Amino acid sequence: MYLQPVLKCKNPDCPLPTATRIRLPYPNPPRSGENPPSWPPDGWEFRLVCRECDHWYVYEKNDVQWAPYTRPLAEETRVDFLCAELECAEPGCGSRTRWHVLDNSQMSETELLEFVLRADPVAVCENGHSFSISGTVSSSTRKVDSV
């Protein structure tokens, strides 16, 4: 058994059962019975879009819990932790905001970007500009092994 960092969707109407957690990728997770690492660092912020309800929230250090699993997330074959990075097109902004999704459906790059852009509430950059109004200058996606 391994300890894996997890988050719970903050949407009170999410169909994801309340006992279900969203696993985060973490390199070399500790074994059950060991003390969990002091992670994430203070000031950590993380944008996660829930696959069950399509809502996104900004999560912080105090939202992270540790839960036991039989094997690390990195060894799961049908689950990917994905990141979409969007650059804001608002004049003078240029911020690059990362959005994360735990996916078990093998989303394509286009599907991931569409999923993030249709999330609820409307996706905004780090400076609060709506991507549906300002648009994006560029975007990229990738699979991530740690956050």
N, C-alpha and C. Protein backbone atom coordinates (compact mmCIF):
# COMPACT_ATOMS: atom_id res chain seq x y z
N MET A 1 0.84 -1.18 0.00
CA MET A 1 0.00 0.00 0.00
C MET A 1 0.88 1.25 0.00
N TYR A 2 0.40 2.26 -0.70
CA TYR A 2 1.11 3.52 -0.83
C TYR A 2 0.20 4.68 -0.42
N LEU A 3 0.80 5.74 0.08
CA LEU A 3 0.07 6.96 0.36
C LEU A 3 0.15 7.86 -0.87
N GLN A 4 -0.97 8.42 -1.24
CA GLN A 4 -1.05 9.27 -2.42
C GLN A 4 -1.78 10.56 -2.02
N PRO A 5 -1.29 11.73 -2.44
CA PRO A 5 -2.03 12.96 -2.14
C PRO A 5 -3.33 12.99 -2.93
N VAL A 6 -4.39 13.48 -2.30
CA VAL A 6 -5.71 13.51 -2.92
C VAL A 6 -6.41 14.83 -2.61
N LEU A 7 -7.37 15.15 -3.47
CA LEU A 7 -8.27 16.29 -3.28
C LEU A 7 -9.69 15.80 -3.39
N LYS A 8 -10.61 16.50 -2.77
CA LYS A 8 -12.04 16.24 -2.94
C LYS A 8 -12.62 17.41 -3.72
N CYS A 9 -13.51 17.10 -4.66
CA CYS A 9 -14.17 18.16 -5.43
C CYS A 9 -14.92 19.06 -4.44
N LYS A 10 -14.78 20.38 -4.65
CA LYS A 10 -15.42 21.35 -3.76
C LYS A 10 -16.88 21.64 -4.12
N ASN A 11 -17.35 21.11 -5.25
CA ASN A 11 -18.72 21.35 -5.67
C ASN A 11 -19.66 20.50 -4.81
N PRO A 12 -20.52 21.11 -4.00
CA PRO A 12 -21.41 20.33 -3.15
C PRO A 12 -22.42 19.49 -3.94
N ASP A 13 -22.65 19.82 -5.21
CA ASP A 13 -23.59 19.07 -6.04
C ASP A 13 -22.91 18.07 -6.96
N CYS A 14 -21.62 17.84 -6.78
CA CYS A 14 -20.87 16.91 -7.63
C CYS A 14 -21.43 15.50 -7.47
N PRO A 15 -21.63 14.77 -8.58
CA PRO A 15 -22.11 13.39 -8.48
C PRO A 15 -21.05 12.41 -7.97
N LEU A 16 -19.79 12.87 -7.88
CA LEU A 16 -18.73 12.02 -7.35
C LEU A 16 -19.05 11.74 -5.89
N PRO A 17 -19.11 10.47 -5.49
CA PRO A 17 -19.42 10.18 -4.08
C PRO A 17 -18.45 10.91 -3.15
N THR A 18 -18.96 11.37 -2.00
CA THR A 18 -18.15 12.18 -1.10
C THR A 18 -16.92 11.44 -0.59
N ALA A 19 -16.96 10.12 -0.56
CA ALA A 19 -15.81 9.35 -0.09
C ALA A 19 -14.74 9.21 -1.18
N THR A 20 -15.10 9.51 -2.43
CA THR A 20 -14.16 9.38 -3.53
C THR A 20 -13.25 10.60 -3.59
N ARG A 21 -11.98 10.32 -3.82
CA ARG A 21 -10.99 11.39 -3.88
C ARG A 21 -10.35 11.44 -5.25
N ILE A 22 -9.85 12.60 -5.62
CA ILE A 22 -9.15 12.78 -6.88
C ILE A 22 -7.66 12.69 -6.57
N ARG A 23 -7.02 11.65 -7.10
CA ARG A 23 -5.61 11.41 -6.82
C ARG A 23 -4.72 12.39 -7.58
N LEU A 24 -3.66 12.83 -6.91
CA LEU A 24 -2.67 13.70 -7.52
C LEU A 24 -1.40 12.92 -7.78
N PRO A 25 -0.73 13.17 -8.89
CA PRO A 25 0.54 12.48 -9.13
C PRO A 25 1.60 12.97 -8.15
N TYR A 26 2.35 12.04 -7.62
CA TYR A 26 3.41 12.38 -6.67
C TYR A 26 4.55 11.40 -6.87
N PRO A 27 5.77 11.90 -7.12
CA PRO A 27 6.89 10.99 -7.37
C PRO A 27 7.29 10.25 -6.09
N ASN A 28 7.54 8.96 -6.21
CA ASN A 28 7.99 8.14 -5.09
C ASN A 28 7.11 8.27 -3.85
N PRO A 29 5.82 7.93 -3.97
CA PRO A 29 4.94 8.07 -2.81
C PRO A 29 5.38 7.15 -1.67
N PRO A 30 5.19 7.59 -0.42
CA PRO A 30 5.59 6.76 0.72
C PRO A 30 4.66 5.56 0.88
N ARG A 31 5.14 4.56 1.55
CA ARG A 31 4.31 3.39 1.85
C ARG A 31 3.37 3.73 2.99
N SER A 32 2.23 3.01 3.03
CA SER A 32 1.29 3.17 4.14
C SER A 32 2.03 2.91 5.44
N GLY A 33 1.66 3.64 6.48
CA GLY A 33 2.31 3.49 7.77
C GLY A 33 3.43 4.49 7.97
N GLU A 34 3.99 5.01 6.88
CA GLU A 34 5.00 6.05 6.99
C GLU A 34 4.31 7.41 7.14
N ASN A 35 5.03 8.36 7.64
CA ASN A 35 4.48 9.71 7.73
C ASN A 35 4.42 10.33 6.35
N PRO A 36 3.29 10.95 6.00
CA PRO A 36 3.24 11.62 4.70
C PRO A 36 4.21 12.79 4.67
N PRO A 37 4.76 13.09 3.50
CA PRO A 37 5.68 14.22 3.38
C PRO A 37 4.97 15.54 3.70
N SER A 38 5.74 16.54 4.03
CA SER A 38 5.21 17.88 4.23
C SER A 38 5.07 18.51 2.84
N TRP A 39 4.01 18.19 2.19
CA TRP A 39 3.76 18.61 0.81
C TRP A 39 2.28 18.86 0.65
N PRO A 40 1.86 19.81 -0.13
CA PRO A 40 2.64 20.75 -0.94
C PRO A 40 3.21 21.88 -0.09
N PRO A 41 4.06 22.71 -0.72
CA PRO A 41 4.66 23.82 0.03
C PRO A 41 3.62 24.92 0.33
N ASP A 42 3.93 25.74 1.30
CA ASP A 42 3.09 26.90 1.60
C ASP A 42 2.96 27.75 0.34
N GLY A 43 1.78 28.32 0.13
CA GLY A 43 1.55 29.18 -1.03
C GLY A 43 1.16 28.43 -2.29
N TRP A 44 1.13 27.09 -2.23
CA TRP A 44 0.77 26.26 -3.38
C TRP A 44 -0.66 26.53 -3.80
N GLU A 45 -0.87 26.73 -5.10
CA GLU A 45 -2.21 26.85 -5.68
C GLU A 45 -2.30 25.94 -6.89
N PHE A 46 -3.48 25.36 -7.08
CA PHE A 46 -3.64 24.31 -8.07
C PHE A 46 -5.05 24.37 -8.63
N ARG A 47 -5.17 24.54 -9.95
CA ARG A 47 -6.48 24.57 -10.60
C ARG A 47 -6.80 23.17 -11.10
N LEU A 48 -7.91 22.63 -10.62
CA LEU A 48 -8.34 21.28 -10.98
C LEU A 48 -9.77 21.31 -11.49
N VAL A 49 -10.00 20.67 -12.64
CA VAL A 49 -11.35 20.54 -13.19
C VAL A 49 -11.81 19.11 -12.91
N CYS A 50 -12.93 18.97 -12.23
CA CYS A 50 -13.47 17.64 -11.90
C CYS A 50 -14.10 17.02 -13.13
N ARG A 51 -13.73 15.77 -13.44
CA ARG A 51 -14.28 15.07 -14.61
C ARG A 51 -15.75 14.69 -14.41
N GLU A 52 -16.19 14.60 -13.16
CA GLU A 52 -17.56 14.18 -12.89
C GLU A 52 -18.57 15.31 -13.04
N CYS A 53 -18.20 16.52 -12.61
CA CYS A 53 -19.18 17.62 -12.62
C CYS A 53 -18.76 18.80 -13.49
N ASP A 54 -17.55 18.76 -14.05
CA ASP A 54 -17.03 19.82 -14.93
C ASP A 54 -16.80 21.15 -14.21
N HIS A 55 -16.78 21.15 -12.89
CA HIS A 55 -16.50 22.38 -12.14
C HIS A 55 -15.00 22.46 -11.84
N TRP A 56 -14.49 23.69 -11.83
CA TRP A 56 -13.09 23.90 -11.46
C TRP A 56 -13.02 24.76 -10.22
N TYR A 57 -11.97 24.52 -9.48
CA TYR A 57 -11.69 25.28 -8.26
C TYR A 57 -10.18 25.44 -8.13
N VAL A 58 -9.79 26.45 -7.38
CA VAL A 58 -8.39 26.61 -7.01
C VAL A 58 -8.22 25.93 -5.66
N TYR A 59 -7.30 24.99 -5.59
CA TYR A 59 -7.03 24.25 -4.35
C TYR A 59 -5.73 24.77 -3.75
N GLU A 60 -5.64 24.65 -2.43
CA GLU A 60 -4.46 25.10 -1.71
C GLU A 60 -3.94 23.97 -0.82
N LYS A 61 -2.84 24.23 -0.15
CA LYS A 61 -2.17 23.23 0.67
C LYS A 61 -3.12 22.55 1.66
N ASN A 62 -3.98 23.33 2.32
CA ASN A 62 -4.86 22.73 3.33
C ASN A 62 -5.98 21.87 2.74
N ASP A 63 -6.14 21.85 1.42
CA ASP A 63 -7.12 20.99 0.78
C ASP A 63 -6.58 19.58 0.53
N VAL A 64 -5.27 19.41 0.57
CA VAL A 64 -4.63 18.13 0.25
C VAL A 64 -4.70 17.19 1.45
N GLN A 65 -5.12 15.96 1.19
CA GLN A 65 -5.12 14.89 2.18
C GLN A 65 -4.27 13.76 1.61
N TRP A 66 -3.92 12.80 2.45
CA TRP A 66 -3.17 11.62 2.00
C TRP A 66 -4.04 10.40 2.24
N ALA A 67 -4.11 9.52 1.24
CA ALA A 67 -4.95 8.33 1.33
C ALA A 67 -4.18 7.10 0.83
N PRO A 68 -4.48 5.92 1.38
CA PRO A 68 -3.78 4.71 0.96
C PRO A 68 -4.37 4.13 -0.33
N TYR A 69 -3.47 3.64 -1.19
CA TYR A 69 -3.85 2.95 -2.44
C TYR A 69 -2.93 1.76 -2.62
N THR A 70 -3.40 0.77 -3.35
CA THR A 70 -2.60 -0.45 -3.53
C THR A 70 -1.36 -0.21 -4.38
N ARG A 71 -1.42 0.75 -5.30
CA ARG A 71 -0.25 1.08 -6.11
C ARG A 71 -0.26 2.57 -6.43
N PRO A 72 0.91 3.12 -6.71
CA PRO A 72 0.99 4.56 -7.03
C PRO A 72 0.22 4.90 -8.31
N LEU A 73 -0.22 6.13 -8.39
CA LEU A 73 -0.95 6.59 -9.57
C LEU A 73 -0.14 6.38 -10.84
N ALA A 74 1.17 6.54 -10.78
CA ALA A 74 2.03 6.39 -11.96
C ALA A 74 1.96 4.99 -12.55
N GLU A 75 1.56 4.00 -11.76
CA GLU A 75 1.47 2.62 -12.24
C GLU A 75 0.09 2.27 -12.79
N GLU A 76 -0.86 3.18 -12.67
CA GLU A 76 -2.20 2.93 -13.22
C GLU A 76 -2.13 3.05 -14.74
N THR A 77 -2.69 2.06 -15.43
CA THR A 77 -2.57 2.06 -16.89
C THR A 77 -3.70 2.78 -17.61
N ARG A 78 -4.85 2.94 -17.00
CA ARG A 78 -5.97 3.55 -17.71
C ARG A 78 -6.32 4.93 -17.15
N VAL A 79 -5.39 5.54 -16.45
CA VAL A 79 -5.63 6.85 -15.86
C VAL A 79 -4.46 7.76 -16.20
N ASP A 80 -4.78 8.96 -16.67
CA ASP A 80 -3.76 9.97 -16.97
C ASP A 80 -4.05 11.23 -16.18
N PHE A 81 -3.01 11.87 -15.71
CA PHE A 81 -3.15 13.18 -15.08
C PHE A 81 -2.66 14.18 -16.11
N LEU A 82 -3.56 15.05 -16.56
CA LEU A 82 -3.27 15.93 -17.68
C LEU A 82 -3.22 17.39 -17.25
N CYS A 83 -2.46 18.17 -17.99
CA CYS A 83 -2.34 19.60 -17.74
C CYS A 83 -2.56 20.35 -19.05
N ALA A 84 -3.43 21.34 -19.01
CA ALA A 84 -3.61 22.26 -20.13
C ALA A 84 -3.11 23.62 -19.67
N GLU A 85 -2.24 24.24 -20.46
CA GLU A 85 -1.72 25.56 -20.13
C GLU A 85 -2.22 26.54 -21.18
N LEU A 86 -2.89 27.60 -20.72
CA LEU A 86 -3.48 28.58 -21.61
C LEU A 86 -2.87 29.95 -21.36
N GLU A 87 -2.51 30.63 -22.45
CA GLU A 87 -1.98 31.98 -22.34
C GLU A 87 -3.10 32.97 -22.67
N CYS A 88 -3.34 33.90 -21.77
CA CYS A 88 -4.42 34.87 -21.91
C CYS A 88 -4.15 35.85 -23.05
N ALA A 89 -5.20 36.16 -23.82
CA ALA A 89 -5.08 37.10 -24.94
C ALA A 89 -5.51 38.51 -24.57
N GLU A 90 -5.87 38.74 -23.32
CA GLU A 90 -6.23 40.10 -22.89
C GLU A 90 -5.01 41.00 -23.11
N PRO A 91 -5.18 42.15 -23.78
CA PRO A 91 -4.04 43.05 -24.02
C PRO A 91 -3.30 43.39 -22.72
N GLY A 92 -1.99 43.21 -22.73
CA GLY A 92 -1.16 43.52 -21.59
C GLY A 92 -1.13 42.46 -20.50
N CYS A 93 -1.85 41.36 -20.66
CA CYS A 93 -1.89 40.34 -19.61
C CYS A 93 -0.78 39.31 -19.82
N GLY A 94 -0.97 38.41 -20.78
CA GLY A 94 0.05 37.41 -21.10
C GLY A 94 0.26 36.33 -20.05
N SER A 95 -0.62 36.25 -19.03
CA SER A 95 -0.43 35.21 -18.02
C SER A 95 -0.65 33.82 -18.62
N ARG A 96 0.05 32.85 -18.08
CA ARG A 96 -0.09 31.45 -18.50
C ARG A 96 -0.66 30.69 -17.31
N THR A 97 -1.86 30.16 -17.48
CA THR A 97 -2.57 29.49 -16.39
C THR A 97 -2.67 28.00 -16.68
N ARG A 98 -2.34 27.19 -15.67
CA ARG A 98 -2.40 25.73 -15.82
C ARG A 98 -3.68 25.17 -15.20
N TRP A 99 -4.28 24.24 -15.93
CA TRP A 99 -5.50 23.55 -15.50
C TRP A 99 -5.21 22.05 -15.52
N HIS A 100 -5.63 21.35 -14.49
CA HIS A 100 -5.33 19.92 -14.36
C HIS A 100 -6.61 19.09 -14.34
N VAL A 101 -6.50 17.87 -14.89
CA VAL A 101 -7.63 16.95 -14.97
C VAL A 101 -7.11 15.53 -14.77
N LEU A 102 -7.76 14.77 -13.88
CA LEU A 102 -7.49 13.33 -13.77
C LEU A 102 -8.47 12.66 -14.72
N ASP A 103 -7.94 11.98 -15.75
CA ASP A 103 -8.77 11.47 -16.83
C ASP A 103 -8.62 9.97 -16.99
N ASN A 104 -9.73 9.30 -17.22
CA ASN A 104 -9.70 7.86 -17.52
C ASN A 104 -10.32 7.56 -18.87
N SER A 105 -10.42 8.57 -19.73
CA SER A 105 -11.07 8.36 -21.03
C SER A 105 -10.14 8.57 -22.22
N GLN A 106 -8.84 8.78 -21.95
CA GLN A 106 -7.86 8.99 -23.02
C GLN A 106 -8.23 10.18 -23.91
N MET A 107 -8.48 11.33 -23.28
CA MET A 107 -8.82 12.55 -24.01
C MET A 107 -7.69 12.96 -24.95
N SER A 108 -8.07 13.45 -26.11
CA SER A 108 -7.10 14.03 -27.03
C SER A 108 -6.76 15.44 -26.56
N GLU A 109 -5.74 16.04 -27.17
CA GLU A 109 -5.36 17.41 -26.83
C GLU A 109 -6.53 18.36 -27.05
N THR A 110 -7.21 18.22 -28.18
CA THR A 110 -8.35 19.08 -28.49
C THR A 110 -9.47 18.88 -27.47
N GLU A 111 -9.76 17.64 -27.13
CA GLU A 111 -10.82 17.36 -26.15
C GLU A 111 -10.49 17.95 -24.78
N LEU A 112 -9.21 17.86 -24.37
CA LEU A 112 -8.81 18.43 -23.09
C LEU A 112 -9.00 19.94 -23.08
N LEU A 113 -8.54 20.62 -24.13
CA LEU A 113 -8.70 22.07 -24.20
C LEU A 113 -10.17 22.47 -24.20
N GLU A 114 -10.99 21.76 -24.95
CA GLU A 114 -12.44 22.04 -24.97
C GLU A 114 -13.05 21.81 -23.60
N PHE A 115 -12.63 20.74 -22.92
CA PHE A 115 -13.15 20.43 -21.59
C PHE A 115 -12.84 21.56 -20.61
N VAL A 116 -11.61 22.05 -20.62
CA VAL A 116 -11.22 23.14 -19.72
C VAL A 116 -11.99 24.41 -20.06
N LEU A 117 -12.11 24.73 -21.34
CA LEU A 117 -12.77 25.98 -21.74
C LEU A 117 -14.28 25.97 -21.52
N ARG A 118 -14.88 24.80 -21.37
CA ARG A 118 -16.32 24.76 -21.09
C ARG A 118 -16.61 24.47 -19.61
N ALA A 119 -15.58 24.46 -18.79
CA ALA A 119 -15.75 24.19 -17.36
C ALA A 119 -16.64 25.25 -16.71
N ASP A 120 -17.17 24.92 -15.56
CA ASP A 120 -18.06 25.78 -14.81
C ASP A 120 -17.42 26.10 -13.46
N PRO A 121 -17.31 27.33 -13.05
CA PRO A 121 -17.65 28.55 -13.78
C PRO A 121 -16.69 28.77 -14.96
N VAL A 122 -16.94 29.80 -15.72
CA VAL A 122 -16.13 30.09 -16.90
C VAL A 122 -14.66 30.20 -16.48
N ALA A 123 -13.80 29.53 -17.22
CA ALA A 123 -12.36 29.54 -16.92
C ALA A 123 -11.80 30.95 -17.09
N VAL A 124 -10.97 31.34 -16.11
CA VAL A 124 -10.33 32.65 -16.14
C VAL A 124 -8.83 32.48 -15.95
N CYS A 125 -8.06 33.44 -16.44
CA CYS A 125 -6.61 33.40 -16.25
C CYS A 125 -6.28 33.76 -14.80
N GLU A 126 -5.01 33.71 -14.45
CA GLU A 126 -4.58 34.04 -13.09
C GLU A 126 -4.91 35.47 -12.70
N ASN A 127 -5.13 36.34 -13.69
CA ASN A 127 -5.48 37.73 -13.42
C ASN A 127 -6.98 38.00 -13.52
N GLY A 128 -7.76 36.94 -13.69
CA GLY A 128 -9.22 37.07 -13.68
C GLY A 128 -9.89 37.35 -15.00
N HIS A 129 -9.14 37.32 -16.12
CA HIS A 129 -9.74 37.57 -17.43
C HIS A 129 -10.40 36.29 -17.95
N SER A 130 -11.62 36.40 -18.41
CA SER A 130 -12.36 35.25 -18.92
C SER A 130 -11.80 34.80 -20.27
N PHE A 131 -11.49 33.51 -20.36
CA PHE A 131 -11.01 33.00 -21.65
C PHE A 131 -12.11 33.03 -22.70
N SER A 132 -13.38 32.97 -22.27
CA SER A 132 -14.47 33.00 -23.25
C SER A 132 -14.63 34.39 -23.87
N ILE A 133 -14.14 35.43 -23.18
CA ILE A 133 -14.21 36.79 -23.72
C ILE A 133 -12.86 37.19 -24.32
N SER A 134 -11.79 37.05 -23.54
CA SER A 134 -10.45 37.49 -23.98
C SER A 134 -9.82 36.52 -24.97
N GLY A 135 -10.14 35.24 -24.84
CA GLY A 135 -9.53 34.23 -25.69
C GLY A 135 -8.15 33.84 -25.20
N THR A 136 -7.48 33.05 -26.01
CA THR A 136 -6.13 32.59 -25.67
C THR A 136 -5.18 32.90 -26.82
N VAL A 137 -3.95 33.20 -26.47
CA VAL A 137 -2.90 33.44 -27.47
C VAL A 137 -2.33 32.10 -27.89
N SER A 138 -2.09 31.24 -26.90
CA SER A 138 -1.54 29.92 -27.19
C SER A 138 -2.01 28.95 -26.13
N SER A 139 -1.84 27.68 -26.43
CA SER A 139 -2.22 26.64 -25.48
C SER A 139 -1.34 25.42 -25.71
N SER A 140 -1.17 24.64 -24.65
CA SER A 140 -0.44 23.40 -24.77
C SER A 140 -1.03 22.41 -23.77
N THR A 141 -0.82 21.13 -24.04
CA THR A 141 -1.28 20.09 -23.12
C THR A 141 -0.18 19.08 -22.96
N ARG A 142 -0.22 18.40 -21.81
CA ARG A 142 0.76 17.34 -21.56
C ARG A 142 0.28 16.46 -20.42
N LYS A 143 0.84 15.27 -20.39
CA LYS A 143 0.62 14.37 -19.27
C LYS A 143 1.67 14.73 -18.21
N VAL A 144 1.27 14.75 -16.93
CA VAL A 144 2.19 15.12 -15.88
C VAL A 144 2.38 13.98 -14.89
N ASP A 145 3.60 13.87 -14.36
CA ASP A 145 3.93 12.83 -13.39
C ASP A 145 3.99 13.37 -11.97
N SER A 146 4.04 14.70 -11.83
CA SER A 146 4.03 15.30 -10.51
C SER A 146 3.48 16.72 -10.65
N VAL A 147 2.98 17.24 -9.53
CA VAL A 147 2.41 18.60 -9.54
C VAL A 147 3.06 19.43 -8.47
